[in-house]
Amino acid sequence: MRKIATLALILTPALAQAQIVPKDGAWTGTPEDATLSDGCPEAMAPALEQMAAQMAQETTTEIVWNGTFDPTQESLAAASQGVEWTRADDDTWEGAITLPQTGARIGTTRMHITAPDRIESQTTMDVAAMMEAQGQEVPGLDTCEMAMMVVLTHAE
């Protein structure tokens, strides 16, 4: 009897932490924070801040999750183009952002669902790789990164 009770105590937390299922419908992405790393040259700051501001536009998208938090599913293919996703756990996905034309890696992203109506997305872009992908080489950007937090909320 003790073995059964011990097994129940071990399994109960795992069962209680079932995957959060996101709601289908309209989702709004709201940028909350965009930062540049210390490795970005001061002279580049205005241009990079402008780039971050352009990326930081609020958007609303209709999403059908099909009962599971999974950015690799077909209904999200357009939004995930160029991202190679890996499941970190039931509520978190991590991705490598690559250019579809060349396969060059230009950043990373992490999506974490915290509630059926809230997903947090953290993206970090390698500025040197982004510039090189556009045919521009700017010296001194080896450790320059742009990070952005976007919170997705379900529109009731």
Protein backbone atom coordinates (compact mmCIF):
# COMPACT_ATOMS: atom_id res chain seq x y z
CA MET A 1 0.00 0.00 0.00
CA ARG A 2 2.89 2.37 0.76
CA LYS A 3 4.29 1.86 -2.76
CA ILE A 4 0.96 2.89 -4.31
CA ALA A 5 0.75 5.99 -2.09
CA THR A 6 4.34 6.93 -2.94
CA LEU A 7 3.68 6.48 -6.66
CA ALA A 8 0.56 8.66 -6.39
CA LEU A 9 2.59 11.43 -4.71
CA ILE A 10 5.19 11.26 -7.47
CA LEU A 11 2.66 11.32 -10.33
CA THR A 12 0.26 13.95 -8.93
CA PRO A 13 2.47 17.02 -9.65
CA ALA A 14 3.13 15.80 -13.21
CA LEU A 15 -0.59 15.32 -13.85
CA ALA A 16 -1.41 18.70 -12.34
CA GLN A 17 0.98 20.42 -14.75
CA ALA A 18 -0.82 19.45 -17.95
CA GLN A 19 -0.22 21.47 -21.09
CA ILE A 20 -2.00 24.82 -21.27
CA VAL A 21 -4.31 24.93 -24.30
CA PRO A 22 -4.48 28.33 -26.02
CA LYS A 23 -7.82 29.74 -27.15
CA ASP A 24 -8.63 29.88 -30.86
CA GLY A 25 -9.48 33.27 -32.32
CA ALA A 26 -7.95 36.72 -32.60
CA TRP A 27 -4.57 37.20 -30.92
CA THR A 28 -2.87 40.58 -30.52
CA GLY A 29 0.91 40.82 -30.36
CA THR A 30 2.05 43.79 -28.28
CA PRO A 31 5.77 44.61 -28.14
CA GLU A 32 6.71 45.36 -24.53
CA ASP A 33 10.44 45.76 -24.57
CA ALA A 34 13.14 46.20 -27.20
CA THR A 35 16.78 46.50 -26.16
CA LEU A 36 20.21 46.63 -27.73
CA SER A 37 23.13 44.76 -26.20
CA ASP A 38 26.20 46.53 -24.85
CA GLY A 39 28.10 45.13 -27.85
CA CYS A 40 26.33 47.54 -30.22
CA PRO A 41 28.43 50.57 -31.20
CA GLU A 42 26.98 53.87 -29.97
CA ALA A 43 27.11 55.31 -33.49
CA MET A 44 24.74 52.51 -34.65
CA ALA A 45 22.21 53.05 -31.85
CA PRO A 46 19.87 55.47 -33.70
CA ALA A 47 19.61 53.20 -36.77
CA LEU A 48 19.13 50.08 -34.66
CA GLU A 49 16.54 51.78 -32.47
CA GLN A 50 14.64 52.79 -35.61
CA MET A 51 14.81 49.18 -36.83
CA ALA A 52 13.49 47.98 -33.47
CA ALA A 53 10.66 50.54 -33.60
CA GLN A 54 9.64 49.28 -37.04
CA MET A 55 9.57 45.71 -35.75
CA ALA A 56 7.62 46.79 -32.66
CA GLN A 57 4.26 47.28 -34.32
CA GLU A 58 1.18 45.84 -32.62
CA THR A 59 -0.52 43.22 -34.80
CA THR A 60 -3.67 41.13 -34.56
CA THR A 61 -3.87 37.70 -36.18
CA GLU A 62 -6.55 35.03 -36.32
CA ILE A 63 -5.07 31.77 -34.96
CA VAL A 64 -6.56 28.28 -34.81
CA TRP A 65 -4.44 26.28 -32.35
CA ASN A 66 -6.22 22.94 -32.90
CA GLY A 67 -6.23 22.21 -29.16
CA THR A 68 -2.48 22.42 -28.59
CA PHE A 69 0.22 25.04 -28.09
CA ASP A 70 2.38 24.26 -31.11
CA PRO A 71 3.84 26.93 -33.42
CA THR A 72 4.81 24.30 -36.00
CA GLN A 73 1.26 23.46 -37.03
CA GLU A 74 0.04 24.29 -40.52
CA SER A 75 -2.27 27.17 -39.51
CA LEU A 76 0.79 29.10 -38.26
CA ALA A 77 3.12 28.27 -41.16
CA ALA A 78 3.24 31.82 -42.54
CA ALA A 79 4.14 33.33 -39.15
CA SER A 80 6.78 30.66 -38.54
CA GLN A 81 8.49 30.87 -41.92
CA GLY A 82 12.22 30.79 -41.37
CA VAL A 83 11.94 29.44 -37.79
CA GLU A 84 13.12 25.95 -36.91
CA TRP A 85 11.12 25.11 -33.76
CA THR A 86 12.06 22.70 -30.97
CA ARG A 87 9.75 21.87 -28.06
CA ALA A 88 11.48 22.69 -24.75
CA ASP A 89 8.56 21.49 -22.58
CA ASP A 90 4.75 21.36 -22.72
CA ASP A 91 4.43 25.14 -22.48
CA THR A 92 7.62 26.37 -24.18
CA TRP A 93 9.01 26.28 -27.72
CA GLU A 94 12.43 27.54 -28.82
CA GLY A 95 13.39 28.38 -32.35
CA ALA A 96 16.36 29.21 -34.53
CA ILE A 97 15.53 32.01 -36.95
CA THR A 98 17.09 31.47 -40.36
CA LEU A 99 16.82 33.10 -43.75
CA PRO A 100 14.79 30.77 -45.99
CA GLN A 101 16.90 31.71 -49.05
CA THR A 102 20.30 30.90 -47.53
CA GLY A 103 19.66 29.08 -44.26
CA ALA A 104 21.85 31.63 -42.46
CA ARG A 105 20.99 31.85 -38.76
CA ILE A 106 20.10 35.41 -37.76
CA GLY A 107 18.52 34.94 -34.34
CA THR A 108 16.66 32.90 -31.75
CA THR A 109 13.15 32.99 -30.36
CA ARG A 110 11.33 31.49 -27.38
CA MET A 111 7.55 31.24 -26.95
CA HIS A 112 6.08 30.40 -23.55
CA ILE A 113 2.35 30.07 -22.88
CA THR A 114 1.44 31.28 -19.38
CA ALA A 115 -2.38 31.05 -19.65
CA PRO A 116 -4.95 30.05 -22.29
CA ASP A 117 -5.12 33.73 -23.31
CA ARG A 118 -1.45 34.81 -22.90
CA ILE A 119 1.81 33.85 -24.64
CA GLU A 120 5.17 35.55 -24.10
CA SER A 121 7.64 35.64 -26.97
CA GLN A 122 11.29 36.65 -26.54
CA THR A 123 13.33 37.12 -29.72
CA THR A 124 17.03 37.94 -30.00
CA MET A 125 18.48 38.94 -33.36
CA ASP A 126 22.16 38.88 -34.35
CA VAL A 127 22.58 42.35 -35.90
CA ALA A 128 25.78 41.46 -37.82
CA ALA A 129 24.05 38.42 -39.40
CA MET A 130 21.01 40.55 -40.30
CA MET A 131 23.21 43.17 -41.98
CA GLU A 132 25.23 40.52 -43.83
CA ALA A 133 21.99 38.96 -45.08
CA GLN A 134 21.14 42.33 -46.65
CA GLY A 135 24.55 42.52 -48.30
CA GLN A 136 25.93 45.05 -45.82
CA GLU A 137 29.01 44.43 -43.73
CA VAL A 138 29.50 46.80 -40.83
CA PRO A 139 32.60 46.23 -38.67
CA GLY A 140 32.23 46.09 -34.90
CA LEU A 141 28.87 44.31 -34.73
CA ASP A 142 30.15 40.87 -33.70
CA THR A 143 28.51 41.03 -30.26
CA CYS A 144 25.65 43.37 -31.16
CA GLU A 145 22.20 41.90 -30.52
CA MET A 146 18.68 43.28 -30.54
CA ALA A 147 16.22 41.66 -28.13
CA MET A 148 12.46 42.09 -28.11
CA MET A 149 9.68 40.83 -25.84
CA VAL A 150 6.23 40.52 -27.41
CA VAL A 151 3.18 39.54 -25.37
CA LEU A 152 0.40 37.84 -27.30
CA THR A 153 -3.05 38.10 -25.77
CA HIS A 154 -6.31 36.57 -26.89
CA ALA A 155 -8.85 39.22 -27.84
CA GLU A 156 -12.08 38.39 -26.04
